[in-house]
Amino acid sequence: MARDRERNENGQYVDRIPASDALEVFESRTDRARPLTAGDVMEALDCSRRTAHNKLNELVEDGVLETRKVGARGRVWWKPLETPTHEPSGRDDSVPTAVRSAMNEVELPGTGETLEDRREALHASYEYLTENPSAKKSDFLQDVFPQYPAGFETAEGWWNAIQPALRELPGVDPPQERGHIWHYLGG
């Protein structure tokens, strides 16, 4: 999407890049789930890194994009996927059919009420990921486990039961080998 921009006699660009051009970089891609870097936007718009950052930050402030720091100096931006919001309450009618079906098919340890508590913890973990499309294991342990311990005494034991089931659910992209970030791709 790089465009030819007019320059003045000093070699400076004569036109300003509107934030909507940066947003178009996100909307024109075939892989809308993959976050972009400032370098990706910089290349597509043929602009400086500072300009790309300014446009991306403007879109974040407007609530159009979300951002997250990755690594010591890296940052990514993405256009949030529109997902239905519902409370993790264990009520099956609040879960899309494909997800409800997958949650019923995945294996979780336990029976009876314990199994139901663990399915509710899985549901809460899935909901958390839909609301935080790039989350680390520590995010789940800090933000989901305390409210949905599902009979586990330790967060680590809870995670060892929940994460294999979570990776089986639609739209969930688990970390690759030696990776740490869970992604929600939608669907």
N, C-alpha and C. Protein backbone atom coordinates (compact mmCIF):
# COMPACT_ATOMS: atom_id res chain seq x y z
N MET A 1 0.81 -1.18 0.00
CA MET A 1 0.00 0.00 0.00
C MET A 1 0.86 1.25 0.00
N ALA A 2 2.16 1.10 -0.15
CA ALA A 2 3.03 2.27 -0.16
C ALA A 2 2.56 3.21 -1.26
N ARG A 3 2.55 4.48 -0.97
CA ARG A 3 2.06 5.44 -1.94
C ARG A 3 3.13 6.46 -2.25
N ASP A 4 3.05 7.03 -3.43
CA ASP A 4 3.99 8.07 -3.82
C ASP A 4 3.49 9.37 -3.24
N ARG A 5 4.28 9.98 -2.40
CA ARG A 5 3.88 11.23 -1.76
C ARG A 5 4.70 12.37 -2.33
N GLU A 6 4.04 13.46 -2.55
CA GLU A 6 4.69 14.63 -3.12
C GLU A 6 5.63 15.26 -2.09
N ARG A 7 6.79 15.70 -2.58
CA ARG A 7 7.78 16.35 -1.72
C ARG A 7 8.02 17.77 -2.23
N ASN A 8 8.42 18.66 -1.31
CA ASN A 8 8.74 20.04 -1.71
C ASN A 8 10.20 20.11 -2.17
N GLU A 9 10.68 21.33 -2.47
CA GLU A 9 12.05 21.50 -2.97
C GLU A 9 13.11 21.09 -1.95
N ASN A 10 12.74 21.01 -0.66
CA ASN A 10 13.68 20.59 0.39
C ASN A 10 13.61 19.08 0.65
N GLY A 11 12.79 18.38 -0.11
CA GLY A 11 12.67 16.94 0.08
C GLY A 11 11.69 16.53 1.16
N GLN A 12 10.99 17.50 1.76
CA GLN A 12 10.02 17.20 2.81
C GLN A 12 8.67 16.89 2.18
N TYR A 13 7.90 16.02 2.85
CA TYR A 13 6.57 15.71 2.35
C TYR A 13 5.68 16.94 2.49
N VAL A 14 4.86 17.18 1.47
CA VAL A 14 3.99 18.35 1.49
C VAL A 14 2.60 18.01 2.03
N ASP A 15 2.23 16.74 2.02
CA ASP A 15 0.91 16.38 2.55
C ASP A 15 1.06 15.68 3.88
N ARG A 16 0.01 15.75 4.68
CA ARG A 16 -0.01 15.07 5.97
C ARG A 16 -0.72 13.73 5.80
N ILE A 17 -0.31 12.76 6.58
CA ILE A 17 -0.95 11.45 6.53
C ILE A 17 -2.05 11.42 7.59
N PRO A 18 -3.28 11.22 7.18
CA PRO A 18 -4.35 11.12 8.17
C PRO A 18 -4.30 9.77 8.89
N ALA A 19 -4.79 9.74 10.11
CA ALA A 19 -4.81 8.49 10.88
C ALA A 19 -5.61 7.41 10.15
N SER A 20 -6.59 7.84 9.37
CA SER A 20 -7.41 6.87 8.63
C SER A 20 -6.56 6.05 7.65
N ASP A 21 -5.47 6.62 7.14
CA ASP A 21 -4.57 5.86 6.25
C ASP A 21 -3.89 4.73 7.02
N ALA A 22 -3.52 5.00 8.27
CA ALA A 22 -2.91 3.95 9.10
C ALA A 22 -3.94 2.86 9.39
N LEU A 23 -5.18 3.26 9.65
CA LEU A 23 -6.23 2.28 9.90
C LEU A 23 -6.47 1.42 8.65
N GLU A 24 -6.36 2.01 7.48
CA GLU A 24 -6.55 1.27 6.23
C GLU A 24 -5.51 0.15 6.09
N VAL A 25 -4.32 0.35 6.64
CA VAL A 25 -3.30 -0.70 6.61
C VAL A 25 -3.83 -1.94 7.32
N PHE A 26 -4.54 -1.77 8.44
CA PHE A 26 -5.11 -2.89 9.19
C PHE A 26 -6.27 -3.53 8.43
N GLU A 27 -7.09 -2.71 7.82
CA GLU A 27 -8.31 -3.20 7.19
C GLU A 27 -8.07 -3.83 5.83
N SER A 28 -6.97 -3.54 5.18
CA SER A 28 -6.73 -4.06 3.84
C SER A 28 -5.99 -5.39 3.83
N ARG A 29 -5.65 -5.92 5.01
CA ARG A 29 -4.89 -7.17 5.08
C ARG A 29 -5.80 -8.38 4.97
N THR A 30 -5.26 -9.48 4.52
CA THR A 30 -6.03 -10.73 4.49
C THR A 30 -5.98 -11.40 5.86
N ASP A 31 -4.90 -11.24 6.61
CA ASP A 31 -4.77 -11.84 7.94
C ASP A 31 -5.03 -10.76 8.98
N ARG A 32 -6.30 -10.51 9.26
CA ARG A 32 -6.67 -9.44 10.17
C ARG A 32 -6.37 -9.77 11.64
N ALA A 33 -6.08 -11.01 11.94
CA ALA A 33 -5.82 -11.39 13.32
C ALA A 33 -4.38 -11.10 13.74
N ARG A 34 -3.48 -10.97 12.78
CA ARG A 34 -2.07 -10.75 13.10
C ARG A 34 -1.84 -9.30 13.48
N PRO A 35 -1.27 -9.05 14.66
CA PRO A 35 -0.96 -7.68 15.04
C PRO A 35 0.14 -7.10 14.15
N LEU A 36 0.18 -5.79 14.04
CA LEU A 36 1.20 -5.12 13.23
C LEU A 36 2.15 -4.33 14.11
N THR A 37 3.34 -4.10 13.58
CA THR A 37 4.32 -3.26 14.25
C THR A 37 4.31 -1.87 13.61
N ALA A 38 4.96 -0.93 14.25
CA ALA A 38 5.09 0.41 13.66
C ALA A 38 5.85 0.30 12.33
N GLY A 39 6.80 -0.61 12.26
CA GLY A 39 7.55 -0.82 11.02
C GLY A 39 6.66 -1.26 9.87
N ASP A 40 5.67 -2.12 10.17
CA ASP A 40 4.73 -2.54 9.13
C ASP A 40 3.95 -1.34 8.58
N VAL A 41 3.49 -0.49 9.48
CA VAL A 41 2.71 0.69 9.08
C VAL A 41 3.61 1.70 8.38
N MET A 42 4.81 1.86 8.90
CA MET A 42 5.79 2.78 8.31
C MET A 42 6.05 2.38 6.85
N GLU A 43 6.24 1.10 6.61
CA GLU A 43 6.51 0.61 5.26
C GLU A 43 5.30 0.80 4.34
N ALA A 44 4.13 0.49 4.85
CA ALA A 44 2.92 0.60 4.02
C ALA A 44 2.60 2.04 3.65
N LEU A 45 2.87 2.97 4.57
CA LEU A 45 2.54 4.38 4.33
C LEU A 45 3.71 5.19 3.79
N ASP A 46 4.87 4.58 3.72
CA ASP A 46 6.08 5.28 3.28
C ASP A 46 6.27 6.55 4.12
N CYS A 47 6.37 6.32 5.44
CA CYS A 47 6.53 7.45 6.36
C CYS A 47 7.59 7.11 7.40
N SER A 48 7.89 8.06 8.26
CA SER A 48 8.88 7.83 9.31
C SER A 48 8.28 6.98 10.43
N ARG A 49 9.16 6.39 11.21
CA ARG A 49 8.72 5.60 12.36
C ARG A 49 7.93 6.47 13.34
N ARG A 50 8.39 7.70 13.56
CA ARG A 50 7.70 8.61 14.47
C ARG A 50 6.28 8.90 13.98
N THR A 51 6.13 9.13 12.66
CA THR A 51 4.79 9.39 12.10
C THR A 51 3.90 8.16 12.29
N ALA A 52 4.44 6.98 12.02
CA ALA A 52 3.67 5.75 12.20
C ALA A 52 3.22 5.62 13.65
N HIS A 53 4.14 5.84 14.60
CA HIS A 53 3.80 5.78 16.02
C HIS A 53 2.71 6.80 16.36
N ASN A 54 2.85 8.02 15.86
CA ASN A 54 1.85 9.06 16.14
C ASN A 54 0.47 8.65 15.65
N LYS A 55 0.39 8.12 14.43
CA LYS A 55 -0.90 7.72 13.87
C LYS A 55 -1.48 6.54 14.64
N LEU A 56 -0.63 5.58 14.98
CA LEU A 56 -1.10 4.41 15.73
C LEU A 56 -1.60 4.82 17.12
N ASN A 57 -0.85 5.69 17.79
CA ASN A 57 -1.26 6.15 19.12
C ASN A 57 -2.55 6.95 19.06
N GLU A 58 -2.73 7.72 18.00
CA GLU A 58 -3.97 8.47 17.81
C GLU A 58 -5.16 7.50 17.67
N LEU A 59 -4.97 6.42 16.94
CA LEU A 59 -6.03 5.43 16.77
C LEU A 59 -6.32 4.67 18.06
N VAL A 60 -5.29 4.47 18.89
CA VAL A 60 -5.50 3.85 20.20
C VAL A 60 -6.32 4.79 21.08
N GLU A 61 -5.96 6.06 21.10
CA GLU A 61 -6.69 7.05 21.90
C GLU A 61 -8.15 7.16 21.46
N ASP A 62 -8.40 6.97 20.17
CA ASP A 62 -9.76 7.02 19.65
C ASP A 62 -10.52 5.72 19.90
N GLY A 63 -9.84 4.70 20.45
CA GLY A 63 -10.49 3.43 20.73
C GLY A 63 -10.66 2.53 19.53
N VAL A 64 -9.98 2.83 18.43
CA VAL A 64 -10.10 2.05 17.20
C VAL A 64 -9.12 0.89 17.20
N LEU A 65 -7.93 1.10 17.77
CA LEU A 65 -6.91 0.06 17.85
C LEU A 65 -6.58 -0.20 19.31
N GLU A 66 -5.97 -1.36 19.55
CA GLU A 66 -5.42 -1.68 20.86
C GLU A 66 -3.94 -1.95 20.67
N THR A 67 -3.20 -1.82 21.75
CA THR A 67 -1.75 -2.03 21.68
C THR A 67 -1.28 -2.79 22.90
N ARG A 68 -0.13 -3.40 22.75
CA ARG A 68 0.48 -4.13 23.86
C ARG A 68 1.97 -4.16 23.64
N LYS A 69 2.71 -3.98 24.73
CA LYS A 69 4.16 -4.08 24.67
C LYS A 69 4.54 -5.55 24.59
N VAL A 70 5.48 -5.86 23.71
CA VAL A 70 5.99 -7.23 23.60
C VAL A 70 7.51 -7.15 23.61
N GLY A 71 8.10 -7.82 24.54
CA GLY A 71 9.55 -7.75 24.66
C GLY A 71 9.99 -6.45 25.32
N ALA A 72 11.29 -6.25 25.34
CA ALA A 72 11.85 -5.09 26.02
C ALA A 72 11.53 -3.79 25.31
N ARG A 73 11.56 -3.79 23.98
CA ARG A 73 11.37 -2.54 23.25
C ARG A 73 10.31 -2.64 22.16
N GLY A 74 9.65 -3.79 22.06
CA GLY A 74 8.67 -3.97 20.99
C GLY A 74 7.25 -3.64 21.42
N ARG A 75 6.45 -3.29 20.45
CA ARG A 75 5.04 -2.99 20.68
C ARG A 75 4.29 -3.41 19.43
N VAL A 76 3.09 -3.96 19.61
CA VAL A 76 2.24 -4.32 18.49
C VAL A 76 0.89 -3.64 18.64
N TRP A 77 0.21 -3.48 17.52
CA TRP A 77 -1.12 -2.89 17.49
C TRP A 77 -2.04 -3.82 16.72
N TRP A 78 -3.32 -3.82 17.07
CA TRP A 78 -4.30 -4.61 16.35
C TRP A 78 -5.66 -3.95 16.43
N LYS A 79 -6.49 -4.30 15.47
CA LYS A 79 -7.87 -3.84 15.47
C LYS A 79 -8.66 -4.91 16.21
N PRO A 80 -9.29 -4.56 17.32
CA PRO A 80 -10.00 -5.59 18.10
C PRO A 80 -11.12 -6.23 17.29
N LEU A 81 -11.24 -7.54 17.45
CA LEU A 81 -12.32 -8.25 16.81
C LEU A 81 -13.59 -8.02 17.60
N GLU A 82 -14.67 -7.84 16.91
CA GLU A 82 -15.94 -7.66 17.61
C GLU A 82 -16.41 -9.03 18.06
N THR A 83 -16.54 -9.18 19.36
CA THR A 83 -17.01 -10.44 19.92
C THR A 83 -18.16 -10.14 20.86
N PRO A 84 -19.12 -11.04 20.93
CA PRO A 84 -20.21 -10.81 21.87
C PRO A 84 -19.68 -10.86 23.29
N THR A 85 -20.18 -9.97 24.12
CA THR A 85 -19.76 -9.98 25.51
C THR A 85 -20.85 -10.64 26.34
N HIS A 86 -20.42 -11.49 27.23
CA HIS A 86 -21.34 -12.13 28.16
C HIS A 86 -20.57 -12.54 29.39
N GLU A 87 -21.28 -12.62 30.46
CA GLU A 87 -20.67 -12.96 31.75
C GLU A 87 -20.39 -14.45 31.83
N PRO A 88 -19.21 -14.84 32.29
CA PRO A 88 -18.97 -16.27 32.53
C PRO A 88 -19.79 -16.70 33.72
N SER A 89 -20.89 -17.36 33.47
CA SER A 89 -21.78 -17.72 34.56
C SER A 89 -22.11 -19.20 34.55
N GLY A 90 -21.54 -19.92 33.59
CA GLY A 90 -21.87 -21.33 33.50
C GLY A 90 -23.15 -21.57 32.72
N ARG A 91 -23.85 -20.51 32.30
CA ARG A 91 -25.07 -20.67 31.53
C ARG A 91 -24.67 -20.94 30.08
N ASP A 92 -25.08 -22.10 29.57
CA ASP A 92 -24.69 -22.47 28.20
C ASP A 92 -25.28 -21.57 27.14
N ASP A 93 -26.41 -20.88 27.41
CA ASP A 93 -27.02 -20.06 26.38
C ASP A 93 -26.21 -18.80 26.07
N SER A 94 -25.23 -18.45 26.90
CA SER A 94 -24.42 -17.26 26.66
C SER A 94 -23.19 -17.57 25.82
N VAL A 95 -22.97 -18.83 25.47
CA VAL A 95 -21.78 -19.26 24.74
C VAL A 95 -22.18 -19.62 23.31
N PRO A 96 -21.42 -19.13 22.31
CA PRO A 96 -21.72 -19.54 20.93
C PRO A 96 -21.73 -21.06 20.81
N THR A 97 -22.56 -21.57 19.92
CA THR A 97 -22.77 -23.01 19.78
C THR A 97 -21.48 -23.78 19.55
N ALA A 98 -20.62 -23.29 18.66
CA ALA A 98 -19.37 -24.01 18.37
C ALA A 98 -18.48 -24.09 19.60
N VAL A 99 -18.45 -23.01 20.38
CA VAL A 99 -17.62 -23.00 21.60
C VAL A 99 -18.24 -23.90 22.65
N ARG A 100 -19.56 -23.83 22.81
CA ARG A 100 -20.26 -24.69 23.80
C ARG A 100 -19.99 -26.15 23.48
N SER A 101 -20.09 -26.50 22.19
CA SER A 101 -19.85 -27.87 21.78
C SER A 101 -18.41 -28.29 22.09
N ALA A 102 -17.45 -27.42 21.76
CA ALA A 102 -16.04 -27.73 22.03
C ALA A 102 -15.77 -27.85 23.52
N MET A 103 -16.40 -26.98 24.33
CA MET A 103 -16.20 -27.05 25.79
C MET A 103 -16.74 -28.35 26.36
N ASN A 104 -17.81 -28.85 25.78
CA ASN A 104 -18.38 -30.11 26.26
C ASN A 104 -17.57 -31.32 25.84
N GLU A 105 -16.79 -31.17 24.76
CA GLU A 105 -16.01 -32.29 24.25
C GLU A 105 -14.61 -32.37 24.84
N VAL A 106 -14.04 -31.25 25.27
CA VAL A 106 -12.67 -31.30 25.80
C VAL A 106 -12.66 -32.02 27.13
N GLU A 107 -11.52 -32.64 27.40
CA GLU A 107 -11.39 -33.38 28.65
C GLU A 107 -10.89 -32.47 29.76
N LEU A 108 -11.59 -32.54 30.88
CA LEU A 108 -11.17 -31.87 32.10
C LEU A 108 -11.25 -32.90 33.22
N PRO A 109 -10.35 -32.83 34.19
CA PRO A 109 -10.40 -33.82 35.27
C PRO A 109 -11.59 -33.55 36.20
N GLY A 110 -12.14 -34.61 36.75
CA GLY A 110 -13.20 -34.48 37.74
C GLY A 110 -14.54 -34.96 37.22
N THR A 111 -15.49 -35.03 38.15
CA THR A 111 -16.86 -35.43 37.82
C THR A 111 -17.82 -34.56 38.60
N GLY A 112 -19.07 -34.62 38.25
CA GLY A 112 -20.12 -33.93 38.99
C GLY A 112 -19.88 -32.44 39.10
N GLU A 113 -20.05 -31.92 40.32
CA GLU A 113 -19.92 -30.49 40.58
C GLU A 113 -18.50 -29.98 40.33
N THR A 114 -17.51 -30.80 40.63
CA THR A 114 -16.12 -30.42 40.38
C THR A 114 -15.90 -30.20 38.89
N LEU A 115 -16.42 -31.11 38.07
CA LEU A 115 -16.28 -30.97 36.62
C LEU A 115 -17.01 -29.72 36.14
N GLU A 116 -18.18 -29.44 36.67
CA GLU A 116 -18.92 -28.23 36.29
C GLU A 116 -18.13 -26.97 36.66
N ASP A 117 -17.51 -26.97 37.84
CA ASP A 117 -16.69 -25.82 38.26
C ASP A 117 -15.52 -25.64 37.29
N ARG A 118 -14.96 -26.74 36.83
CA ARG A 118 -13.81 -26.66 35.92
C ARG A 118 -14.25 -26.20 34.53
N ARG A 119 -15.43 -26.60 34.11
CA ARG A 119 -15.96 -26.10 32.83
C ARG A 119 -16.24 -24.59 32.93
N GLU A 120 -16.71 -24.16 34.08
CA GLU A 120 -16.93 -22.73 34.28
C GLU A 120 -15.60 -21.97 34.28
N ALA A 121 -14.56 -22.56 34.87
CA ALA A 121 -13.23 -21.94 34.85
C ALA A 121 -12.69 -21.88 33.42
N LEU A 122 -12.94 -22.92 32.65
CA LEU A 122 -12.53 -22.92 31.24
C LEU A 122 -13.28 -21.83 30.48
N HIS A 123 -14.58 -21.74 30.74
CA HIS A 123 -15.39 -20.70 30.10
C HIS A 123 -14.86 -19.31 30.47
N ALA A 124 -14.56 -19.09 31.73
CA ALA A 124 -14.02 -17.80 32.18
C ALA A 124 -12.67 -17.51 31.51
N SER A 125 -11.85 -18.53 31.35
CA SER A 125 -10.55 -18.36 30.69
C SER A 125 -10.74 -17.99 29.23
N TYR A 126 -11.69 -18.64 28.57
CA TYR A 126 -11.99 -18.32 27.17
C TYR A 126 -12.50 -16.89 27.05
N GLU A 127 -13.41 -16.51 27.91
CA GLU A 127 -13.94 -15.14 27.92
C GLU A 127 -12.81 -14.14 28.14
N TYR A 128 -11.92 -14.46 29.07
CA TYR A 128 -10.79 -13.57 29.36
C TYR A 128 -9.95 -13.36 28.09
N LEU A 129 -9.70 -14.46 27.36
CA LEU A 129 -8.89 -14.36 26.16
C LEU A 129 -9.62 -13.57 25.07
N THR A 130 -10.94 -13.71 24.97
CA THR A 130 -11.67 -12.93 23.97
C THR A 130 -11.60 -11.44 24.28
N GLU A 131 -11.53 -11.11 25.56
CA GLU A 131 -11.45 -9.70 25.96
C GLU A 131 -10.02 -9.18 25.98
N ASN A 132 -9.05 -10.08 26.05
CA ASN A 132 -7.62 -9.74 26.07
C ASN A 132 -6.94 -10.63 25.03
N PRO A 133 -7.04 -10.28 23.74
CA PRO A 133 -6.64 -11.20 22.67
C PRO A 133 -5.15 -11.57 22.62
N SER A 134 -4.35 -11.01 23.47
CA SER A 134 -2.95 -11.42 23.60
C SER A 134 -2.65 -11.48 25.09
N ALA A 135 -2.72 -12.68 25.64
CA ALA A 135 -2.55 -12.84 27.09
C ALA A 135 -1.48 -13.88 27.38
N LYS A 136 -0.80 -13.68 28.50
CA LYS A 136 0.22 -14.61 28.95
C LYS A 136 -0.36 -15.52 30.03
N LYS A 137 0.31 -16.61 30.28
CA LYS A 137 -0.09 -17.54 31.34
C LYS A 137 -0.27 -16.77 32.65
N SER A 138 0.66 -15.88 32.96
CA SER A 138 0.58 -15.14 34.22
C SER A 138 -0.68 -14.28 34.30
N ASP A 139 -1.18 -13.80 33.14
CA ASP A 139 -2.42 -13.03 33.13
C ASP A 139 -3.59 -13.89 33.57
N PHE A 140 -3.67 -15.12 33.06
CA PHE A 140 -4.74 -16.04 33.44
C PHE A 140 -4.66 -16.36 34.94
N LEU A 141 -3.43 -16.62 35.40
CA LEU A 141 -3.25 -16.98 36.81
C LEU A 141 -3.61 -15.83 37.74
N GLN A 142 -3.34 -14.62 37.32
CA GLN A 142 -3.62 -13.45 38.14
C GLN A 142 -5.08 -13.01 38.05
N ASP A 143 -5.66 -13.08 36.85
CA ASP A 143 -6.97 -12.48 36.64
C ASP A 143 -8.13 -13.47 36.61
N VAL A 144 -7.89 -14.74 36.33
CA VAL A 144 -8.99 -15.71 36.23
C VAL A 144 -8.99 -16.69 37.40
N PHE A 145 -7.84 -17.27 37.69
CA PHE A 145 -7.76 -18.29 38.74
C PHE A 145 -8.38 -17.87 40.08
N PRO A 146 -8.10 -16.65 40.59
CA PRO A 146 -8.65 -16.31 41.91
C PRO A 146 -10.18 -16.39 41.99
N GLN A 147 -10.87 -16.06 40.90
CA GLN A 147 -12.34 -16.10 40.91
C GLN A 147 -12.89 -17.47 40.53
N TYR A 148 -12.10 -18.26 39.83
CA TYR A 148 -12.55 -19.56 39.35
C TYR A 148 -11.53 -20.64 39.67
N PRO A 149 -11.25 -20.91 40.95
CA PRO A 149 -10.21 -21.90 41.30
C PRO A 149 -10.61 -23.34 40.96
N ALA A 150 -11.90 -23.61 40.82
CA ALA A 150 -12.39 -24.92 40.37
C ALA A 150 -11.86 -26.08 41.19
N GLY A 151 -11.69 -25.88 42.48
CA GLY A 151 -11.26 -26.95 43.36
C GLY A 151 -9.76 -27.17 43.41
N PHE A 152 -8.99 -26.35 42.70
CA PHE A 152 -7.53 -26.50 42.72
C PHE A 152 -6.96 -25.63 43.83
N GLU A 153 -5.98 -26.18 44.53
CA GLU A 153 -5.34 -25.43 45.63
C GLU A 153 -4.28 -24.47 45.11
N THR A 154 -3.67 -24.81 43.99
CA THR A 154 -2.60 -23.95 43.46
C THR A 154 -2.96 -23.48 42.05
N ALA A 155 -2.45 -22.32 41.72
CA ALA A 155 -2.66 -21.78 40.37
C ALA A 155 -2.00 -22.68 39.33
N GLU A 156 -0.86 -23.24 39.67
CA GLU A 156 -0.14 -24.10 38.72
C GLU A 156 -0.94 -25.37 38.41
N GLY A 157 -1.53 -25.98 39.43
CA GLY A 157 -2.38 -27.15 39.21
C GLY A 157 -3.59 -26.81 38.35
N TRP A 158 -4.18 -25.65 38.63
CA TRP A 158 -5.32 -25.16 37.85
C TRP A 158 -4.91 -25.00 36.39
N TRP A 159 -3.78 -24.33 36.14
CA TRP A 159 -3.32 -24.09 34.78
C TRP A 159 -3.04 -25.40 34.04
N ASN A 160 -2.46 -26.37 34.74
CA ASN A 160 -2.16 -27.66 34.12
C ASN A 160 -3.42 -28.38 33.65
N ALA A 161 -4.57 -28.09 34.27
CA ALA A 161 -5.83 -28.68 33.83
C ALA A 161 -6.53 -27.82 32.78
N ILE A 162 -6.49 -26.51 32.93
CA ILE A 162 -7.24 -25.61 32.05
C ILE A 162 -6.57 -25.41 30.70
N GLN A 163 -5.25 -25.20 30.68
CA GLN A 163 -4.61 -24.83 29.42
C GLN A 163 -4.71 -25.89 28.32
N PRO A 164 -4.65 -27.19 28.59
CA PRO A 164 -4.82 -28.14 27.47
C PRO A 164 -6.23 -28.06 26.87
N ALA A 165 -7.22 -27.80 27.71
CA ALA A 165 -8.59 -27.67 27.22
C ALA A 165 -8.77 -26.36 26.46
N LEU A 166 -8.17 -25.29 26.96
CA LEU A 166 -8.29 -23.97 26.33
C LEU A 166 -7.74 -24.00 24.92
N ARG A 167 -6.63 -24.71 24.73
CA ARG A 167 -6.00 -24.73 23.40
C ARG A 167 -6.87 -25.45 22.37
N GLU A 168 -7.88 -26.20 22.82
CA GLU A 168 -8.77 -26.93 21.90
C GLU A 168 -9.97 -26.11 21.45
N LEU A 169 -10.17 -24.92 22.02
CA LEU A 169 -11.38 -24.15 21.73
C LEU A 169 -11.24 -23.32 20.46
N PRO A 170 -12.35 -23.09 19.75
CA PRO A 170 -12.32 -22.32 18.50
C PRO A 170 -11.77 -20.91 18.70
N GLY A 171 -10.91 -20.50 17.77
CA GLY A 171 -10.37 -19.15 17.79
C GLY A 171 -9.18 -18.95 18.70
N VAL A 172 -8.79 -19.98 19.44
CA VAL A 172 -7.66 -19.87 20.37
C VAL A 172 -6.38 -20.28 19.65
N ASP A 173 -5.39 -19.41 19.71
CA ASP A 173 -4.08 -19.69 19.13
C ASP A 173 -3.09 -19.76 20.29
N PRO A 174 -2.76 -20.99 20.74
CA PRO A 174 -1.84 -21.12 21.87
C PRO A 174 -0.42 -20.73 21.47
N PRO A 175 0.42 -20.47 22.46
CA PRO A 175 1.80 -20.10 22.14
C PRO A 175 2.50 -21.23 21.39
N GLN A 176 3.39 -20.84 20.50
CA GLN A 176 4.21 -21.83 19.82
C GLN A 176 5.27 -22.31 20.82
N GLU A 177 6.01 -23.31 20.44
CA GLU A 177 7.03 -23.85 21.33
C GLU A 177 7.93 -22.72 21.84
N ARG A 178 8.11 -22.67 23.14
CA ARG A 178 8.92 -21.68 23.84
C ARG A 178 8.31 -20.28 23.79
N GLY A 179 7.05 -20.17 23.34
CA GLY A 179 6.38 -18.88 23.32
C GLY A 179 5.59 -18.67 24.60
N HIS A 180 5.11 -17.47 24.80
CA HIS A 180 4.41 -17.16 26.04
C HIS A 180 3.04 -16.51 25.83
N ILE A 181 2.75 -16.08 24.62
CA ILE A 181 1.54 -15.30 24.38
C ILE A 181 0.45 -16.17 23.77
N TRP A 182 -0.72 -16.17 24.43
CA TRP A 182 -1.93 -16.80 23.90
C TRP A 182 -2.67 -15.73 23.11
N HIS A 183 -3.21 -16.10 21.95
CA HIS A 183 -3.94 -15.15 21.11
C HIS A 183 -5.36 -15.65 20.88
N TYR A 184 -6.26 -14.71 20.79
CA TYR A 184 -7.62 -15.02 20.37
C TYR A 184 -7.77 -14.51 18.95
N LEU A 185 -8.08 -15.41 18.03
CA LEU A 185 -8.17 -15.06 16.63
C LEU A 185 -9.61 -14.81 16.19
N GLY A 186 -10.54 -15.01 17.08
CA GLY A 186 -11.95 -14.81 16.73
C GLY A 186 -12.56 -16.09 16.22
N GLY A 187 -13.83 -16.00 15.91
CA GLY A 187 -14.52 -17.16 15.34
C GLY A 187 -15.14 -17.98 16.42
